């Protein structure tokens, strides 16, 4: 009886796996994924952040340049420690276009300048930071789809504390 069972198992065909439907799916899916991968792009902003392992330079050796102070009340543009312009927040919105236009004038006067520092007050939200970065990085009169660098070297720091009114 045992011999009969062994013979019966040998005579049964091994079931074959039908992968035709799976291959049809792959033939359609692979080109679709390759085509759509081109349209997915990420935007990466490069920042110059301070290195905590190095000691800061003495105050007399700090090189001043163009800086934008971002506060909850508005934006202030400084150059070499002197305030050039201040824009108050209007209807809950910062004046990014005015900042960008003023920086474009500065860029026309100093075409070799490509560094700017953003000084943030504590509590400034991320969206505000990114919009200011876009305003300082690219020229405002960019032609259709062509972005021209204005100040691509962006550094970030803490805004100086404001003096309380007596």
Protein backbone atom coordinates (compact mmCIF):
# COMPACT_ATOMS: atom_id res chain seq x y z
CA UNK A 1 0.00 0.00 0.00
CA UNK A 2 2.87 2.33 0.78
CA UNK A 3 4.36 1.66 -2.63
CA UNK A 4 1.07 2.61 -4.28
CA UNK A 5 0.99 6.00 -2.53
CA UNK A 6 4.50 6.77 -3.69
CA UNK A 7 3.59 5.93 -7.29
CA UNK A 8 0.49 8.14 -7.09
CA UNK A 9 2.46 11.14 -5.94
CA UNK A 10 4.90 10.78 -8.78
CA UNK A 11 2.15 10.72 -11.37
CA UNK A 12 0.52 13.97 -10.16
CA UNK A 13 1.58 17.01 -12.17
CA UNK A 14 3.18 19.88 -10.34
CA UNK A 15 0.92 22.95 -10.54
CA UNK A 16 2.48 25.72 -12.60
CA UNK A 17 2.28 29.32 -11.47
CA UNK A 18 0.45 31.51 -13.99
CA UNK A 19 2.30 34.86 -13.99
CA UNK A 20 0.85 36.27 -17.20
CA UNK A 21 -1.45 38.72 -15.39
CA UNK A 22 1.44 39.88 -13.19
CA UNK A 23 3.69 40.49 -16.20
CA UNK A 24 0.91 42.44 -17.94
CA UNK A 25 0.66 44.66 -14.85
CA UNK A 26 4.43 45.24 -14.79
CA UNK A 27 4.51 46.12 -18.50
CA UNK A 28 2.04 48.94 -17.81
CA UNK A 29 3.26 49.99 -14.34
CA UNK A 30 7.02 50.33 -14.98
CA UNK A 31 6.76 52.90 -17.83
CA UNK A 32 4.14 54.84 -15.87
CA UNK A 33 6.43 55.09 -12.83
CA UNK A 34 9.41 56.08 -14.96
CA UNK A 35 7.46 58.86 -16.69
CA UNK A 36 5.97 60.31 -13.49
CA UNK A 37 9.32 60.25 -11.65
CA UNK A 38 10.51 63.12 -13.87
CA UNK A 39 7.74 65.41 -12.60
CA UNK A 40 8.54 64.91 -8.93
CA UNK A 41 11.27 67.34 -7.90
CA UNK A 42 12.29 68.67 -4.53
CA UNK A 43 13.50 72.18 -3.86
CA UNK A 44 16.48 72.39 -1.54
CA UNK A 45 17.70 75.61 -0.01
CA UNK A 46 21.36 75.80 0.97
CA UNK A 47 22.10 77.67 4.17
CA UNK A 48 25.27 78.72 5.93
CA UNK A 49 24.66 77.79 9.54
CA UNK A 50 27.13 78.63 12.29
CA UNK A 51 29.46 75.83 13.33
CA UNK A 52 29.17 75.21 17.08
CA UNK A 53 32.61 73.60 17.26
CA UNK A 54 34.39 76.84 16.34
CA UNK A 55 34.74 79.81 18.65
CA UNK A 56 33.04 82.98 17.41
CA UNK A 57 35.32 85.79 16.19
CA UNK A 58 35.89 88.79 18.44
CA UNK A 59 33.25 91.53 17.96
CA UNK A 60 35.67 93.99 16.30
CA UNK A 61 36.44 91.49 13.51
CA UNK A 62 32.84 90.78 12.54
CA UNK A 63 32.36 91.62 8.90
CA UNK A 64 29.09 93.45 8.48
CA UNK A 65 27.09 93.18 5.33
CA UNK A 66 23.48 93.07 4.26
CA UNK A 67 21.05 91.65 6.78
CA UNK A 68 17.29 91.33 7.08
CA UNK A 69 15.80 91.30 10.56
CA UNK A 70 12.57 89.32 10.61
CA UNK A 71 10.25 90.21 13.47
CA UNK A 72 6.61 89.47 14.08
CA UNK A 73 5.88 93.18 13.59
CA UNK A 74 7.73 93.62 10.29
CA UNK A 75 10.94 93.42 8.28
CA UNK A 76 14.04 95.60 8.65
CA UNK A 77 16.82 95.85 6.07
CA UNK A 78 20.29 96.73 7.42
CA UNK A 79 23.55 97.30 5.60
CA UNK A 80 26.82 97.53 7.52
CA UNK A 81 24.94 98.01 10.79
CA UNK A 82 22.78 100.89 9.54
CA UNK A 83 19.04 100.56 9.00
CA UNK A 84 18.15 101.24 5.38
CA UNK A 85 14.43 100.51 5.46
CA UNK A 86 11.73 99.11 7.72
CA UNK A 87 8.41 97.64 6.57
CA UNK A 88 5.63 97.13 9.10
CA UNK A 89 3.35 94.13 8.78
CA UNK A 90 0.10 95.09 6.97
CA UNK A 91 -3.05 92.98 7.35
CA UNK A 92 -0.99 90.18 8.87
CA UNK A 93 1.36 89.99 5.87
CA UNK A 94 5.01 90.99 5.55
CA UNK A 95 5.99 93.14 2.54
CA UNK A 96 8.14 90.61 0.69
CA UNK A 97 7.85 92.42 -2.66
CA UNK A 98 9.09 95.71 -1.20
CA UNK A 99 12.04 93.91 0.42
CA UNK A 100 12.90 92.18 -2.84
CA UNK A 101 12.69 95.45 -4.83
CA UNK A 102 15.00 97.25 -2.36
CA UNK A 103 17.49 94.38 -2.48
CA UNK A 104 17.41 94.47 -6.29
CA UNK A 105 18.52 98.12 -6.14
CA UNK A 106 21.34 97.19 -3.75
CA UNK A 107 22.34 94.34 -6.07
CA UNK A 108 22.50 96.77 -9.02
CA UNK A 109 24.90 98.98 -7.04
CA UNK A 110 27.03 96.01 -5.83
CA UNK A 111 26.79 93.23 -8.45
CA UNK A 112 29.58 91.20 -6.81
CA UNK A 113 27.77 90.96 -3.47
CA UNK A 114 26.08 87.57 -3.03
CA UNK A 115 25.85 87.14 0.77
CA UNK A 116 22.97 88.06 3.04
CA UNK A 117 22.12 87.29 6.65
CA UNK A 118 18.60 86.64 7.93
CA UNK A 119 18.17 87.42 11.63
CA UNK A 120 15.04 85.88 13.11
CA UNK A 121 13.13 86.83 16.20
CA UNK A 122 12.09 83.81 18.31
CA UNK A 123 8.68 82.50 17.29
CA UNK A 124 8.86 83.34 13.57
CA UNK A 125 7.09 80.58 11.66
CA UNK A 126 8.73 78.49 8.96
CA UNK A 127 6.54 79.83 6.13
CA UNK A 128 7.68 83.39 6.83
CA UNK A 129 11.33 82.30 6.78
CA UNK A 130 10.94 80.52 3.43
CA UNK A 131 9.12 83.47 1.85
CA UNK A 132 11.85 85.88 3.00
CA UNK A 133 14.48 83.46 1.67
CA UNK A 134 12.74 83.43 -1.72
CA UNK A 135 12.50 87.23 -1.70
CA UNK A 136 16.23 87.69 -1.03
CA UNK A 137 17.49 84.82 -3.18
CA UNK A 138 15.86 85.62 -6.54
CA UNK A 139 15.41 88.82 -8.54
CA UNK A 140 11.78 90.02 -8.41
CA UNK A 141 11.45 90.57 -12.18
CA UNK A 142 12.20 86.97 -13.11
CA UNK A 143 11.08 86.19 -16.64
CA UNK A 144 8.61 83.38 -17.24
CA UNK A 145 10.02 80.49 -15.27
CA UNK A 146 13.63 81.73 -15.24
CA UNK A 147 14.94 82.49 -11.76
CA UNK A 148 17.97 84.77 -11.51
CA UNK A 149 20.07 84.65 -8.35
CA UNK A 150 20.34 87.84 -6.34
CA UNK A 151 21.78 86.78 -2.95
CA UNK A 152 22.26 82.98 -3.02
CA UNK A 153 24.60 82.80 0.02
CA UNK A 154 22.08 82.93 2.88
CA UNK A 155 23.08 82.77 6.54
CA UNK A 156 20.68 82.57 9.46
CA UNK A 157 21.03 83.91 12.99
CA UNK A 158 19.16 85.32 15.96
CA UNK A 159 17.74 88.83 15.77
CA UNK A 160 19.06 91.33 18.30
CA UNK A 161 16.70 92.01 21.16
CA UNK A 162 14.60 95.13 20.88
CA UNK A 163 14.83 97.77 23.55
CA UNK A 164 11.66 98.05 25.61
CA UNK A 165 9.94 101.42 25.54
CA UNK A 166 10.04 103.24 28.91
